[in-house]
Each structure stands twice: as structure tokens, then as C-alpha cells.
């Protein structure tokens, strides 16, 4: 969870972890936990993004190889 979590945290309104076996760890890092993706989407729509959110879903992120979320400056212009 902490491999690229800070990068995502700097560039998002919220990070949701769905279906965590031990959600206390994710909450301790400031992440939002929900049982399902549907619950997370509804919560995010109400609190952060409205009806048309931009979503990055990484379903096997912490079960497979590492994910890197860095983008080059010339690609992302804030």
C-alpha cells in the first residue's frame, strides 16, 4: 500500500481501498475503506467528484508486481 501511495495521495481527492481484509491498516494511512467498489463510487460521488468521476482502478495492485504512478511533467500539466 505504501509503494506509491504518497504520489497518489498528492494528486487525488481520496483513495479508496475496497474489500480489505484488515481495513484498519488502510484507514491508519488516511485511506478510505469500503466493502465494495459500488459503495466506494457512491461515497466518492457524494463527497468529492459528482456524477462523472475520473477513476483509476488497480484490482490486483498489491497481489502482483509493483505499480508505479509517476508521470512525466510534459505529459501531465496539472
N, C-alpha and C. Protein backbone atom coordinates (compact mmCIF):
# COMPACT_ATOMS: atom_id res chain seq x y z
N UNK A 1 0.80 -1.19 0.00
CA UNK A 1 0.00 0.00 0.00
C UNK A 1 0.85 1.26 0.00
N UNK A 2 2.02 1.19 0.57
CA UNK A 2 2.81 2.41 0.66
C UNK A 2 3.80 2.58 -0.48
N UNK A 3 3.85 1.63 -1.43
CA UNK A 3 4.83 1.70 -2.50
C UNK A 3 4.71 2.98 -3.31
N UNK A 4 3.53 3.41 -3.67
CA UNK A 4 3.32 4.65 -4.41
C UNK A 4 2.18 5.45 -3.82
N UNK A 5 1.79 5.12 -2.63
CA UNK A 5 0.63 5.77 -2.02
C UNK A 5 0.75 7.26 -1.88
N UNK A 6 1.96 7.75 -1.57
CA UNK A 6 2.13 9.19 -1.39
C UNK A 6 1.93 9.95 -2.69
N UNK A 7 2.37 9.37 -3.80
CA UNK A 7 2.19 10.01 -5.10
C UNK A 7 0.70 10.13 -5.41
N UNK A 8 -0.04 9.07 -5.20
CA UNK A 8 -1.48 9.10 -5.45
C UNK A 8 -2.16 10.08 -4.51
N UNK A 9 -1.74 10.08 -3.26
CA UNK A 9 -2.36 10.97 -2.27
C UNK A 9 -2.17 12.44 -2.63
N UNK A 10 -1.05 12.79 -3.20
CA UNK A 10 -0.77 14.18 -3.59
C UNK A 10 -1.64 14.64 -4.75
N UNK A 11 -2.15 13.71 -5.54
CA UNK A 11 -2.83 14.05 -6.78
C UNK A 11 -4.29 13.64 -6.84
N UNK A 12 -4.88 13.26 -5.73
CA UNK A 12 -6.27 12.82 -5.72
C UNK A 12 -7.04 13.45 -4.57
N UNK A 13 -8.34 13.43 -4.67
CA UNK A 13 -9.19 13.88 -3.57
C UNK A 13 -9.31 12.82 -2.50
N UNK A 14 -9.31 11.57 -2.90
CA UNK A 14 -9.43 10.46 -1.95
C UNK A 14 -8.93 9.18 -2.60
N UNK A 15 -8.49 8.27 -1.77
CA UNK A 15 -8.09 6.94 -2.23
C UNK A 15 -8.92 5.94 -1.46
N UNK A 16 -9.61 5.07 -2.19
CA UNK A 16 -10.46 4.05 -1.58
C UNK A 16 -9.81 2.68 -1.73
N UNK A 17 -9.84 1.92 -0.66
CA UNK A 17 -9.42 0.52 -0.68
C UNK A 17 -10.70 -0.29 -0.47
N UNK A 18 -11.02 -1.14 -1.44
CA UNK A 18 -12.26 -1.92 -1.38
C UNK A 18 -11.97 -3.37 -1.03
N UNK A 19 -12.76 -3.89 -0.09
CA UNK A 19 -12.65 -5.29 0.27
C UNK A 19 -11.41 -5.66 1.05
N UNK A 20 -10.83 -4.73 1.76
CA UNK A 20 -9.61 -5.02 2.53
C UNK A 20 -9.89 -6.06 3.61
N UNK A 21 -8.97 -6.98 3.78
CA UNK A 21 -9.12 -7.99 4.83
C UNK A 21 -8.88 -7.40 6.21
N UNK A 22 -7.99 -6.40 6.28
CA UNK A 22 -7.72 -5.71 7.54
C UNK A 22 -7.74 -4.20 7.26
N UNK A 23 -8.93 -3.62 7.17
CA UNK A 23 -9.07 -2.22 6.75
C UNK A 23 -8.44 -1.21 7.71
N UNK A 24 -8.18 -1.59 8.94
CA UNK A 24 -7.57 -0.67 9.89
C UNK A 24 -6.22 -0.15 9.42
N UNK A 25 -5.45 -0.97 8.71
CA UNK A 25 -4.16 -0.52 8.19
C UNK A 25 -4.35 0.59 7.16
N UNK A 26 -5.29 0.40 6.25
CA UNK A 26 -5.56 1.41 5.22
C UNK A 26 -6.08 2.70 5.85
N UNK A 27 -6.99 2.58 6.79
CA UNK A 27 -7.52 3.77 7.47
C UNK A 27 -6.42 4.49 8.24
N UNK A 28 -5.51 3.74 8.82
CA UNK A 28 -4.39 4.34 9.54
C UNK A 28 -3.49 5.17 8.64
N UNK A 29 -3.50 4.87 7.35
CA UNK A 29 -2.70 5.63 6.38
C UNK A 29 -3.51 6.74 5.74
N UNK A 30 -4.75 6.95 6.22
CA UNK A 30 -5.56 8.03 5.69
C UNK A 30 -6.40 7.67 4.48
N UNK A 31 -6.47 6.39 4.15
CA UNK A 31 -7.25 5.95 3.00
C UNK A 31 -8.68 5.66 3.42
N UNK A 32 -9.59 5.70 2.48
CA UNK A 32 -11.00 5.39 2.72
C UNK A 32 -11.20 3.90 2.47
N UNK A 33 -11.96 3.24 3.31
CA UNK A 33 -12.23 1.82 3.09
C UNK A 33 -13.73 1.60 2.91
N UNK A 34 -14.05 0.74 1.97
CA UNK A 34 -15.42 0.33 1.72
C UNK A 34 -15.41 -1.15 1.37
N UNK A 35 -16.52 -1.81 1.59
CA UNK A 35 -16.60 -3.24 1.33
C UNK A 35 -16.58 -3.55 -0.17
N UNK A 36 -17.20 -2.68 -0.98
CA UNK A 36 -17.30 -2.95 -2.42
C UNK A 36 -16.94 -1.70 -3.22
N UNK A 37 -16.65 -1.91 -4.49
CA UNK A 37 -16.37 -0.80 -5.40
C UNK A 37 -17.62 0.07 -5.55
N UNK A 38 -18.78 -0.56 -5.59
CA UNK A 38 -20.03 0.20 -5.73
C UNK A 38 -20.21 1.17 -4.55
N UNK A 39 -19.93 0.71 -3.34
CA UNK A 39 -20.03 1.58 -2.17
C UNK A 39 -19.02 2.73 -2.26
N UNK A 40 -17.82 2.43 -2.69
CA UNK A 40 -16.79 3.47 -2.83
C UNK A 40 -17.20 4.51 -3.86
N UNK A 41 -17.75 4.07 -5.00
CA UNK A 41 -18.18 5.01 -6.03
C UNK A 41 -19.29 5.92 -5.54
N UNK A 42 -20.26 5.37 -4.85
CA UNK A 42 -21.35 6.19 -4.32
C UNK A 42 -20.83 7.22 -3.32
N UNK A 43 -19.95 6.80 -2.44
CA UNK A 43 -19.38 7.70 -1.46
C UNK A 43 -18.58 8.82 -2.14
N UNK A 44 -17.77 8.44 -3.11
CA UNK A 44 -16.94 9.43 -3.82
C UNK A 44 -17.81 10.42 -4.59
N UNK A 45 -18.87 9.94 -5.21
CA UNK A 45 -19.78 10.84 -5.94
C UNK A 45 -20.42 11.85 -5.01
N UNK A 46 -20.83 11.40 -3.83
CA UNK A 46 -21.46 12.31 -2.85
C UNK A 46 -20.47 13.32 -2.29
N UNK A 47 -19.26 12.88 -1.98
CA UNK A 47 -18.33 13.72 -1.22
C UNK A 47 -17.30 14.48 -2.05
N UNK A 48 -16.92 13.95 -3.22
CA UNK A 48 -15.76 14.51 -3.91
C UNK A 48 -15.96 14.89 -5.37
N UNK A 49 -16.57 14.02 -6.17
CA UNK A 49 -16.43 14.16 -7.62
C UNK A 49 -17.71 14.39 -8.41
N UNK A 50 -18.85 14.28 -7.80
CA UNK A 50 -20.08 14.42 -8.56
C UNK A 50 -20.36 13.18 -9.40
N UNK A 51 -21.19 13.33 -10.42
CA UNK A 51 -21.66 12.19 -11.19
C UNK A 51 -20.69 11.67 -12.25
N UNK A 52 -19.62 12.41 -12.57
CA UNK A 52 -18.71 11.99 -13.64
C UNK A 52 -17.26 11.92 -13.14
N UNK A 53 -16.94 10.96 -12.28
CA UNK A 53 -15.59 10.90 -11.72
C UNK A 53 -14.57 10.35 -12.70
N UNK A 54 -13.31 10.72 -12.49
CA UNK A 54 -12.18 10.08 -13.16
C UNK A 54 -11.71 8.98 -12.21
N UNK A 55 -11.60 7.76 -12.71
CA UNK A 55 -11.31 6.62 -11.85
C UNK A 55 -10.08 5.88 -12.36
N UNK A 56 -9.19 5.54 -11.45
CA UNK A 56 -8.08 4.66 -11.74
C UNK A 56 -8.28 3.43 -10.87
N UNK A 57 -8.61 2.31 -11.47
CA UNK A 57 -8.84 1.07 -10.73
C UNK A 57 -7.65 0.15 -10.94
N UNK A 58 -7.08 -0.33 -9.85
CA UNK A 58 -5.93 -1.23 -9.89
C UNK A 58 -6.27 -2.49 -9.09
N UNK A 59 -7.05 -3.40 -9.67
CA UNK A 59 -7.61 -4.50 -8.90
C UNK A 59 -6.61 -5.48 -8.29
N UNK A 60 -5.49 -5.71 -8.91
CA UNK A 60 -4.52 -6.67 -8.37
C UNK A 60 -3.23 -6.01 -7.90
N UNK A 61 -3.28 -4.73 -7.61
CA UNK A 61 -2.09 -3.97 -7.29
C UNK A 61 -1.23 -4.59 -6.21
N UNK A 62 -1.80 -5.02 -5.13
CA UNK A 62 -1.00 -5.50 -4.02
C UNK A 62 -0.96 -7.02 -3.94
N UNK A 63 -1.37 -7.67 -5.02
CA UNK A 63 -1.27 -9.12 -5.11
C UNK A 63 -0.28 -9.54 -6.19
N UNK A 64 0.07 -8.63 -7.06
CA UNK A 64 1.01 -8.90 -8.16
C UNK A 64 2.20 -7.96 -8.04
N UNK A 65 2.90 -7.73 -9.14
CA UNK A 65 4.09 -6.87 -9.13
C UNK A 65 3.73 -5.41 -8.85
N UNK A 66 4.74 -4.61 -8.55
CA UNK A 66 4.56 -3.22 -8.15
C UNK A 66 3.93 -2.37 -9.26
N UNK A 67 3.21 -1.34 -8.84
CA UNK A 67 2.61 -0.37 -9.74
C UNK A 67 3.29 0.97 -9.50
N UNK A 68 3.67 1.67 -10.55
CA UNK A 68 4.31 2.97 -10.41
C UNK A 68 3.42 4.04 -11.01
N UNK A 69 3.10 5.06 -10.24
CA UNK A 69 2.14 6.08 -10.65
C UNK A 69 2.80 7.39 -11.07
N UNK A 70 4.08 7.42 -11.31
CA UNK A 70 4.75 8.67 -11.70
C UNK A 70 4.43 9.02 -13.14
N UNK A 71 4.24 10.31 -13.39
CA UNK A 71 4.00 10.80 -14.74
C UNK A 71 5.04 11.87 -15.04
N UNK A 72 5.51 11.93 -16.26
CA UNK A 72 6.45 12.96 -16.65
C UNK A 72 5.75 14.31 -16.71
N UNK A 73 6.47 15.38 -16.38
CA UNK A 73 5.89 16.72 -16.36
C UNK A 73 5.29 17.12 -17.71
N UNK A 74 5.93 16.72 -18.82
CA UNK A 74 5.40 17.14 -20.10
C UNK A 74 4.12 16.41 -20.45
N UNK A 75 3.79 15.31 -19.79
CA UNK A 75 2.56 14.59 -20.05
C UNK A 75 1.43 15.17 -19.21
N UNK A 76 1.70 15.46 -17.95
CA UNK A 76 0.68 15.95 -17.01
C UNK A 76 0.93 17.43 -16.72
N UNK A 77 -0.03 18.26 -17.04
CA UNK A 77 0.12 19.70 -16.84
C UNK A 77 -0.80 20.23 -15.76
N UNK A 78 -1.10 19.40 -14.76
CA UNK A 78 -1.87 19.82 -13.60
C UNK A 78 -3.26 20.18 -13.90
